[in-house]
Amino acid sequence: MSEQKKIPNPDGRKGCEAHRNLIEKIVDYLTKKGFRPSREHRIKLNNGNSRYVDVAGTLDENLVELHQVGVQTQ
């Protein structure tokens, strides 16, 4: 009889439903402000690595707002 392992993050990179719902609210907020939102926006760091933010808002090709979502699940 084998035991099933608990999957630490079954929804993967996109996050749980609460996380995704909050991202959609931010996308709507940025759109209403006239920004062009993008999800999982890549930020290149000076050391050559990259990080991703959940939502970024651009205006006239300028990066204006960055949003990182954290949802408490426990």
N, C-alpha and C. Protein backbone atom coordinates (compact mmCIF):
# COMPACT_ATOMS: atom_id res chain seq x y z
N MET A 1 0.84 -1.18 0.00
CA MET A 1 0.00 0.00 0.00
C MET A 1 0.89 1.24 0.00
N SER A 2 0.74 2.08 -0.99
CA SER A 2 1.59 3.27 -1.07
C SER A 2 0.84 4.49 -0.55
N GLU A 3 1.59 5.35 0.12
CA GLU A 3 1.01 6.59 0.61
C GLU A 3 1.18 7.66 -0.45
N GLN A 4 0.17 8.50 -0.59
CA GLN A 4 0.27 9.58 -1.55
C GLN A 4 1.04 10.74 -0.92
N LYS A 5 1.93 11.33 -1.72
CA LYS A 5 2.67 12.49 -1.26
C LYS A 5 1.80 13.72 -1.40
N LYS A 6 1.94 14.64 -0.45
CA LYS A 6 1.23 15.91 -0.54
C LYS A 6 1.97 16.79 -1.55
N ILE A 7 1.24 17.32 -2.50
CA ILE A 7 1.83 18.22 -3.48
C ILE A 7 1.86 19.61 -2.86
N PRO A 8 3.05 20.23 -2.74
CA PRO A 8 3.16 21.50 -2.04
C PRO A 8 2.42 22.65 -2.72
N ASN A 9 2.37 22.66 -4.02
CA ASN A 9 1.68 23.73 -4.74
C ASN A 9 0.99 23.13 -5.96
N PRO A 10 -0.20 22.54 -5.76
CA PRO A 10 -0.86 21.85 -6.86
C PRO A 10 -1.26 22.77 -8.02
N ASP A 11 -1.41 24.07 -7.77
CA ASP A 11 -1.79 25.00 -8.83
C ASP A 11 -0.59 25.55 -9.57
N GLY A 12 0.61 25.26 -9.09
CA GLY A 12 1.82 25.69 -9.77
C GLY A 12 2.04 27.18 -9.74
N ARG A 13 2.72 27.67 -10.75
CA ARG A 13 3.14 29.07 -10.82
C ARG A 13 1.98 30.05 -10.84
N LYS A 14 0.86 29.64 -11.41
CA LYS A 14 -0.26 30.57 -11.53
C LYS A 14 -0.96 30.82 -10.19
N GLY A 15 -0.72 30.00 -9.20
CA GLY A 15 -1.27 30.22 -7.87
C GLY A 15 -2.66 29.64 -7.68
N CYS A 16 -3.12 29.72 -6.45
CA CYS A 16 -4.44 29.18 -6.11
C CYS A 16 -5.54 30.09 -6.68
N GLU A 17 -6.76 29.67 -6.52
CA GLU A 17 -7.89 30.43 -7.06
C GLU A 17 -7.97 31.83 -6.45
N ALA A 18 -7.74 31.95 -5.14
CA ALA A 18 -7.77 33.26 -4.48
C ALA A 18 -6.69 34.18 -5.06
N HIS A 19 -5.51 33.63 -5.31
CA HIS A 19 -4.40 34.37 -5.90
C HIS A 19 -4.78 34.87 -7.30
N ARG A 20 -5.33 33.99 -8.10
CA ARG A 20 -5.72 34.36 -9.47
C ARG A 20 -6.83 35.41 -9.47
N ASN A 21 -7.79 35.29 -8.53
CA ASN A 21 -8.87 36.27 -8.45
C ASN A 21 -8.33 37.66 -8.10
N LEU A 22 -7.38 37.72 -7.18
CA LEU A 22 -6.80 39.00 -6.81
C LEU A 22 -6.01 39.60 -7.98
N ILE A 23 -5.32 38.77 -8.72
CA ILE A 23 -4.60 39.25 -9.90
C ILE A 23 -5.57 39.85 -10.91
N GLU A 24 -6.71 39.20 -11.12
CA GLU A 24 -7.71 39.73 -12.05
C GLU A 24 -8.23 41.09 -11.59
N LYS A 25 -8.41 41.28 -10.28
CA LYS A 25 -8.85 42.57 -9.76
C LYS A 25 -7.80 43.65 -10.05
N ILE A 26 -6.54 43.29 -9.89
CA ILE A 26 -5.46 44.25 -10.15
C ILE A 26 -5.40 44.58 -11.64
N VAL A 27 -5.58 43.58 -12.49
CA VAL A 27 -5.59 43.81 -13.94
C VAL A 27 -6.72 44.78 -14.30
N ASP A 28 -7.90 44.57 -13.72
CA ASP A 28 -9.03 45.48 -13.97
C ASP A 28 -8.72 46.89 -13.49
N TYR A 29 -8.12 47.00 -12.31
CA TYR A 29 -7.74 48.30 -11.73
C TYR A 29 -6.77 49.03 -12.65
N LEU A 30 -5.74 48.34 -13.13
CA LEU A 30 -4.75 48.97 -14.00
C LEU A 30 -5.37 49.37 -15.34
N THR A 31 -6.25 48.55 -15.86
CA THR A 31 -6.91 48.86 -17.13
C THR A 31 -7.75 50.12 -16.99
N LYS A 32 -8.49 50.24 -15.88
CA LYS A 32 -9.32 51.43 -15.64
C LYS A 32 -8.47 52.69 -15.51
N LYS A 33 -7.23 52.54 -15.03
CA LYS A 33 -6.34 53.69 -14.91
C LYS A 33 -5.67 54.04 -16.24
N GLY A 34 -5.92 53.24 -17.27
CA GLY A 34 -5.36 53.51 -18.59
C GLY A 34 -4.03 52.83 -18.85
N PHE A 35 -3.60 51.94 -17.94
CA PHE A 35 -2.36 51.21 -18.12
C PHE A 35 -2.59 49.95 -18.94
N ARG A 36 -1.53 49.43 -19.52
CA ARG A 36 -1.59 48.13 -20.19
C ARG A 36 -1.02 47.10 -19.21
N PRO A 37 -1.86 46.24 -18.64
CA PRO A 37 -1.37 45.25 -17.67
C PRO A 37 -0.74 44.05 -18.36
N SER A 38 0.25 43.46 -17.69
CA SER A 38 0.81 42.19 -18.15
C SER A 38 1.05 41.31 -16.93
N ARG A 39 0.70 40.04 -17.07
CA ARG A 39 0.86 39.08 -15.98
C ARG A 39 2.22 38.41 -16.08
N GLU A 40 2.73 37.98 -14.92
CA GLU A 40 4.03 37.29 -14.88
C GLU A 40 5.09 38.07 -15.66
N HIS A 41 5.22 39.33 -15.31
CA HIS A 41 6.16 40.22 -16.00
C HIS A 41 7.59 39.95 -15.53
N ARG A 42 8.48 39.77 -16.47
CA ARG A 42 9.89 39.45 -16.17
C ARG A 42 10.67 40.73 -15.90
N ILE A 43 11.41 40.73 -14.80
CA ILE A 43 12.30 41.83 -14.44
C ILE A 43 13.73 41.28 -14.50
N LYS A 44 14.55 41.86 -15.34
CA LYS A 44 15.96 41.44 -15.43
C LYS A 44 16.76 42.17 -14.36
N LEU A 45 17.51 41.42 -13.58
CA LEU A 45 18.32 41.99 -12.51
C LEU A 45 19.73 42.29 -13.00
N ASN A 46 20.42 43.15 -12.28
CA ASN A 46 21.78 43.54 -12.68
C ASN A 46 22.77 42.38 -12.68
N ASN A 47 22.50 41.35 -11.86
CA ASN A 47 23.42 40.22 -11.78
C ASN A 47 23.17 39.17 -12.87
N GLY A 48 22.25 39.47 -13.80
CA GLY A 48 21.96 38.55 -14.89
C GLY A 48 20.78 37.63 -14.64
N ASN A 49 20.33 37.56 -13.41
CA ASN A 49 19.17 36.74 -13.08
C ASN A 49 17.89 37.49 -13.41
N SER A 50 16.78 36.80 -13.29
CA SER A 50 15.47 37.40 -13.51
C SER A 50 14.54 37.06 -12.36
N ARG A 51 13.59 37.95 -12.13
CA ARG A 51 12.50 37.72 -11.18
C ARG A 51 11.22 38.04 -11.92
N TYR A 52 10.12 37.51 -11.44
CA TYR A 52 8.83 37.77 -12.07
C TYR A 52 7.89 38.39 -11.05
N VAL A 53 7.17 39.43 -11.47
CA VAL A 53 6.13 40.02 -10.64
C VAL A 53 4.79 39.55 -11.20
N ASP A 54 3.80 39.48 -10.33
CA ASP A 54 2.50 38.96 -10.76
C ASP A 54 1.84 39.83 -11.82
N VAL A 55 1.84 41.14 -11.60
CA VAL A 55 1.21 42.04 -12.57
C VAL A 55 2.04 43.31 -12.69
N ALA A 56 2.24 43.75 -13.91
CA ALA A 56 2.92 45.02 -14.18
C ALA A 56 2.01 45.88 -15.03
N GLY A 57 2.07 47.18 -14.79
CA GLY A 57 1.29 48.11 -15.59
C GLY A 57 2.22 49.05 -16.35
N THR A 58 2.03 49.14 -17.68
CA THR A 58 2.85 50.03 -18.49
C THR A 58 1.96 51.13 -19.08
N LEU A 59 2.57 52.28 -19.31
CA LEU A 59 1.90 53.40 -19.93
C LEU A 59 2.89 54.02 -20.91
N ASP A 60 2.52 54.08 -22.17
CA ASP A 60 3.41 54.60 -23.22
C ASP A 60 4.76 53.88 -23.22
N GLU A 61 4.72 52.56 -23.07
CA GLU A 61 5.91 51.70 -23.07
C GLU A 61 6.82 51.90 -21.85
N ASN A 62 6.37 52.67 -20.86
CA ASN A 62 7.13 52.86 -19.62
C ASN A 62 6.52 52.02 -18.52
N LEU A 63 7.35 51.30 -17.80
CA LEU A 63 6.90 50.49 -16.68
C LEU A 63 6.54 51.44 -15.54
N VAL A 64 5.27 51.42 -15.11
CA VAL A 64 4.79 52.38 -14.13
C VAL A 64 4.47 51.74 -12.78
N GLU A 65 3.80 50.60 -12.79
CA GLU A 65 3.42 49.94 -11.54
C GLU A 65 3.76 48.46 -11.58
N LEU A 66 4.20 47.95 -10.43
CA LEU A 66 4.45 46.51 -10.25
C LEU A 66 3.64 46.04 -9.06
N HIS A 67 3.01 44.88 -9.19
CA HIS A 67 2.19 44.32 -8.11
C HIS A 67 2.60 42.87 -7.87
N GLN A 68 2.92 42.56 -6.63
CA GLN A 68 3.22 41.19 -6.23
C GLN A 68 2.12 40.77 -5.27
N VAL A 69 1.43 39.69 -5.56
CA VAL A 69 0.29 39.24 -4.78
C VAL A 69 0.72 38.17 -3.80
N GLY A 70 0.29 38.31 -2.57
CA GLY A 70 0.50 37.28 -1.56
C GLY A 70 -0.84 36.94 -0.93
N VAL A 71 -1.22 35.68 -0.96
CA VAL A 71 -2.50 35.26 -0.39
C VAL A 71 -2.23 34.28 0.72
N GLN A 72 -2.70 34.61 1.92
CA GLN A 72 -2.51 33.72 3.06
C GLN A 72 -3.51 32.58 2.94
N THR A 73 -2.98 31.35 2.96
CA THR A 73 -3.85 30.18 2.79
C THR A 73 -4.02 29.37 4.06
N GLN A 74 -3.26 29.69 5.09
CA GLN A 74 -3.37 28.93 6.33
C GLN A 74 -3.53 29.85 7.50
